[in-house]
Amino acid sequence: MNKVLVNIYVPLIEQEYNLFIPVNRKIGLVKKIIGHSIVELSDGNYQIEGYFNLYNKTTNRVYDDDTYVINTDIRNGSKLILL
């Protein structure tokens, strides 16, 4: 298993999305993948502008861009916030 299913909440557009993210990639790349996916899924309502962070909704942890997903607490069913 090389992907996990996570729930991403985007406060800017007040929407939630369920996405599969790869566990063998760094958070920085995963954020780009998530951002582009949400642009498509929201029919352009969300636009990538500048830098954004990925937070754990349960623990309020901010994820470092250079950390691999597998080395974090992100697992199937994790609830994340994209700010």
N, C-alpha and C. Protein backbone atom coordinates (compact mmCIF):
# COMPACT_ATOMS: atom_id res chain seq x y z
N MET A 1 0.85 -1.17 0.00
CA MET A 1 0.00 0.00 0.00
C MET A 1 0.90 1.24 0.00
N ASN A 2 0.78 2.05 -1.03
CA ASN A 2 1.64 3.22 -1.11
C ASN A 2 0.87 4.54 -1.11
N LYS A 3 -0.43 4.48 -0.81
CA LYS A 3 -1.24 5.69 -0.71
C LYS A 3 -2.17 5.57 0.48
N VAL A 4 -2.53 6.73 1.03
CA VAL A 4 -3.50 6.77 2.12
C VAL A 4 -4.64 7.71 1.72
N LEU A 5 -5.83 7.39 2.19
CA LEU A 5 -7.00 8.21 1.93
C LEU A 5 -7.17 9.19 3.08
N VAL A 6 -7.13 10.49 2.76
CA VAL A 6 -7.25 11.52 3.78
C VAL A 6 -8.41 12.45 3.43
N ASN A 7 -8.91 13.13 4.44
CA ASN A 7 -9.96 14.12 4.27
C ASN A 7 -9.31 15.49 4.37
N ILE A 8 -9.45 16.29 3.32
CA ILE A 8 -8.84 17.63 3.27
C ILE A 8 -9.94 18.67 3.39
N TYR A 9 -9.84 19.54 4.40
CA TYR A 9 -10.79 20.65 4.55
C TYR A 9 -10.10 21.92 4.06
N VAL A 10 -10.80 22.67 3.21
CA VAL A 10 -10.27 23.93 2.67
C VAL A 10 -11.16 25.06 3.17
N PRO A 11 -10.75 25.75 4.25
CA PRO A 11 -11.58 26.82 4.83
C PRO A 11 -11.89 27.96 3.86
N LEU A 12 -10.99 28.23 2.95
CA LEU A 12 -11.17 29.35 2.01
C LEU A 12 -12.43 29.20 1.18
N ILE A 13 -12.78 27.95 0.83
CA ILE A 13 -14.00 27.71 0.05
C ILE A 13 -15.02 26.88 0.83
N GLU A 14 -14.71 26.61 2.10
CA GLU A 14 -15.58 25.86 3.00
C GLU A 14 -16.03 24.52 2.40
N GLN A 15 -15.07 23.76 1.89
CA GLN A 15 -15.34 22.47 1.28
C GLN A 15 -14.39 21.41 1.82
N GLU A 16 -14.84 20.16 1.79
CA GLU A 16 -14.00 19.02 2.18
C GLU A 16 -13.86 18.08 0.99
N TYR A 17 -12.70 17.47 0.88
CA TYR A 17 -12.44 16.53 -0.21
C TYR A 17 -11.71 15.32 0.35
N ASN A 18 -12.02 14.16 -0.18
CA ASN A 18 -11.30 12.94 0.16
C ASN A 18 -10.33 12.65 -0.98
N LEU A 19 -9.05 12.56 -0.63
CA LEU A 19 -8.02 12.34 -1.65
C LEU A 19 -7.06 11.25 -1.21
N PHE A 20 -6.54 10.52 -2.17
CA PHE A 20 -5.45 9.59 -1.91
C PHE A 20 -4.15 10.35 -2.09
N ILE A 21 -3.24 10.22 -1.12
CA ILE A 21 -1.93 10.85 -1.24
C ILE A 21 -0.85 9.79 -1.11
N PRO A 22 0.25 9.94 -1.83
CA PRO A 22 1.33 8.95 -1.77
C PRO A 22 2.13 9.08 -0.47
N VAL A 23 2.49 7.96 0.12
CA VAL A 23 3.24 7.98 1.38
C VAL A 23 4.75 8.06 1.17
N ASN A 24 5.20 7.81 -0.05
CA ASN A 24 6.64 7.81 -0.32
C ASN A 24 7.12 9.12 -0.94
N ARG A 25 6.37 10.19 -0.73
CA ARG A 25 6.74 11.52 -1.23
C ARG A 25 6.84 12.50 -0.07
N LYS A 26 7.56 13.59 -0.30
CA LYS A 26 7.71 14.62 0.72
C LYS A 26 6.44 15.47 0.77
N ILE A 27 6.18 16.02 1.95
CA ILE A 27 5.00 16.85 2.19
C ILE A 27 4.93 18.01 1.19
N GLY A 28 6.06 18.62 0.87
CA GLY A 28 6.08 19.74 -0.07
C GLY A 28 5.48 19.37 -1.41
N LEU A 29 5.84 18.20 -1.95
CA LEU A 29 5.28 17.73 -3.22
C LEU A 29 3.82 17.35 -3.05
N VAL A 30 3.48 16.72 -1.95
CA VAL A 30 2.10 16.33 -1.69
C VAL A 30 1.19 17.55 -1.61
N LYS A 31 1.67 18.65 -1.02
CA LYS A 31 0.89 19.88 -0.96
C LYS A 31 0.59 20.40 -2.36
N LYS A 32 1.56 20.31 -3.25
CA LYS A 32 1.34 20.75 -4.64
C LYS A 32 0.29 19.87 -5.31
N ILE A 33 0.40 18.56 -5.10
CA ILE A 33 -0.57 17.62 -5.68
C ILE A 33 -1.97 17.91 -5.15
N ILE A 34 -2.08 18.11 -3.84
CA ILE A 34 -3.38 18.40 -3.21
C ILE A 34 -3.94 19.72 -3.76
N GLY A 35 -3.10 20.75 -3.83
CA GLY A 35 -3.54 22.05 -4.33
C GLY A 35 -4.10 21.97 -5.74
N HIS A 36 -3.37 21.30 -6.63
CA HIS A 36 -3.83 21.17 -8.02
C HIS A 36 -5.09 20.31 -8.10
N SER A 37 -5.19 19.29 -7.28
CA SER A 37 -6.39 18.44 -7.27
C SER A 37 -7.60 19.23 -6.82
N ILE A 38 -7.44 20.07 -5.81
CA ILE A 38 -8.57 20.85 -5.30
C ILE A 38 -9.00 21.91 -6.30
N VAL A 39 -8.06 22.48 -7.03
CA VAL A 39 -8.41 23.43 -8.09
C VAL A 39 -9.34 22.74 -9.09
N GLU A 40 -8.99 21.52 -9.48
CA GLU A 40 -9.82 20.78 -10.44
C GLU A 40 -11.16 20.37 -9.84
N LEU A 41 -11.13 19.83 -8.62
CA LEU A 41 -12.35 19.34 -7.99
C LEU A 41 -13.34 20.46 -7.64
N SER A 42 -12.83 21.67 -7.41
CA SER A 42 -13.69 22.79 -7.05
C SER A 42 -14.15 23.58 -8.27
N ASP A 43 -13.85 23.08 -9.45
CA ASP A 43 -14.20 23.78 -10.69
C ASP A 43 -13.64 25.20 -10.72
N GLY A 44 -12.44 25.38 -10.19
CA GLY A 44 -11.77 26.67 -10.22
C GLY A 44 -12.13 27.61 -9.09
N ASN A 45 -13.00 27.19 -8.15
CA ASN A 45 -13.34 28.06 -7.02
C ASN A 45 -12.16 28.28 -6.10
N TYR A 46 -11.24 27.34 -6.06
CA TYR A 46 -10.02 27.48 -5.25
C TYR A 46 -8.87 27.74 -6.20
N GLN A 47 -8.11 28.77 -5.94
CA GLN A 47 -6.94 29.10 -6.75
C GLN A 47 -5.71 29.07 -5.85
N ILE A 48 -4.64 28.51 -6.38
CA ILE A 48 -3.38 28.45 -5.63
C ILE A 48 -2.73 29.82 -5.71
N GLU A 49 -2.57 30.43 -4.55
CA GLU A 49 -1.95 31.75 -4.48
C GLU A 49 -0.89 31.73 -3.39
N GLY A 50 0.35 31.78 -3.78
CA GLY A 50 1.43 31.84 -2.80
C GLY A 50 1.63 30.53 -2.07
N TYR A 51 2.11 30.67 -0.85
CA TYR A 51 2.48 29.52 -0.02
C TYR A 51 1.32 29.12 0.89
N PHE A 52 1.12 27.84 1.05
CA PHE A 52 0.10 27.37 1.98
C PHE A 52 0.65 26.21 2.78
N ASN A 53 0.03 25.94 3.93
CA ASN A 53 0.46 24.88 4.83
C ASN A 53 -0.58 23.79 4.93
N LEU A 54 -0.13 22.65 5.39
CA LEU A 54 -0.99 21.51 5.65
C LEU A 54 -0.96 21.23 7.14
N TYR A 55 -2.13 21.21 7.76
CA TYR A 55 -2.26 21.02 9.21
C TYR A 55 -3.07 19.76 9.49
N ASN A 56 -2.78 19.12 10.61
CA ASN A 56 -3.60 18.01 11.08
C ASN A 56 -4.75 18.62 11.87
N LYS A 57 -5.98 18.31 11.49
CA LYS A 57 -7.16 18.90 12.13
C LYS A 57 -7.32 18.43 13.57
N THR A 58 -6.85 17.24 13.88
CA THR A 58 -7.02 16.68 15.23
C THR A 58 -5.94 17.17 16.19
N THR A 59 -4.68 17.18 15.73
CA THR A 59 -3.56 17.52 16.62
C THR A 59 -3.04 18.93 16.43
N ASN A 60 -3.51 19.64 15.40
CA ASN A 60 -3.04 20.99 15.05
C ASN A 60 -1.58 21.02 14.62
N ARG A 61 -1.02 19.90 14.27
CA ARG A 61 0.37 19.82 13.85
C ARG A 61 0.53 20.41 12.44
N VAL A 62 1.58 21.20 12.25
CA VAL A 62 1.95 21.71 10.94
C VAL A 62 3.02 20.79 10.38
N TYR A 63 2.85 20.36 9.13
CA TYR A 63 3.79 19.42 8.54
C TYR A 63 4.90 20.14 7.79
N ASP A 64 6.13 19.69 8.02
CA ASP A 64 7.32 20.25 7.39
C ASP A 64 7.43 19.75 5.96
N ASP A 65 7.77 20.64 5.02
CA ASP A 65 7.84 20.29 3.60
C ASP A 65 8.85 19.19 3.28
N ASP A 66 9.90 19.06 4.07
CA ASP A 66 10.95 18.09 3.78
C ASP A 66 10.75 16.72 4.42
N THR A 67 9.62 16.51 5.08
CA THR A 67 9.33 15.25 5.73
C THR A 67 8.51 14.36 4.81
N TYR A 68 8.87 13.08 4.76
CA TYR A 68 8.10 12.12 3.97
C TYR A 68 6.78 11.82 4.69
N VAL A 69 5.73 11.65 3.93
CA VAL A 69 4.41 11.38 4.51
C VAL A 69 4.45 10.17 5.43
N ILE A 70 5.17 9.14 5.04
CA ILE A 70 5.24 7.91 5.83
C ILE A 70 5.85 8.15 7.22
N ASN A 71 6.65 9.20 7.36
CA ASN A 71 7.30 9.52 8.64
C ASN A 71 6.48 10.49 9.49
N THR A 72 5.23 10.73 9.10
CA THR A 72 4.34 11.61 9.87
C THR A 72 3.23 10.76 10.50
N ASP A 73 2.28 11.44 11.13
CA ASP A 73 1.14 10.73 11.70
C ASP A 73 -0.04 10.66 10.73
N ILE A 74 0.19 10.97 9.46
CA ILE A 74 -0.87 10.90 8.45
C ILE A 74 -1.12 9.44 8.09
N ARG A 75 -2.36 9.02 8.30
CA ARG A 75 -2.77 7.64 8.03
C ARG A 75 -4.15 7.68 7.34
N ASN A 76 -4.64 6.51 6.93
CA ASN A 76 -5.98 6.44 6.34
C ASN A 76 -6.98 7.08 7.30
N GLY A 77 -7.80 7.98 6.76
CA GLY A 77 -8.82 8.63 7.57
C GLY A 77 -8.36 9.89 8.28
N SER A 78 -7.09 10.27 8.13
CA SER A 78 -6.61 11.50 8.76
C SER A 78 -7.39 12.70 8.21
N LYS A 79 -7.64 13.66 9.09
CA LYS A 79 -8.33 14.89 8.69
C LYS A 79 -7.31 16.01 8.68
N LEU A 80 -7.15 16.61 7.50
CA LEU A 80 -6.14 17.65 7.30
C LEU A 80 -6.82 18.94 6.88
N ILE A 81 -6.13 20.05 7.15
CA ILE A 81 -6.61 21.38 6.76
C ILE A 81 -5.58 22.01 5.84
N LEU A 82 -6.03 22.57 4.73
CA LEU A 82 -5.17 23.25 3.78
C LEU A 82 -5.38 24.75 3.93
N LEU A 83 -4.37 25.45 4.47
CA LEU A 83 -4.44 26.91 4.67
C LEU A 83 -3.29 27.60 3.96
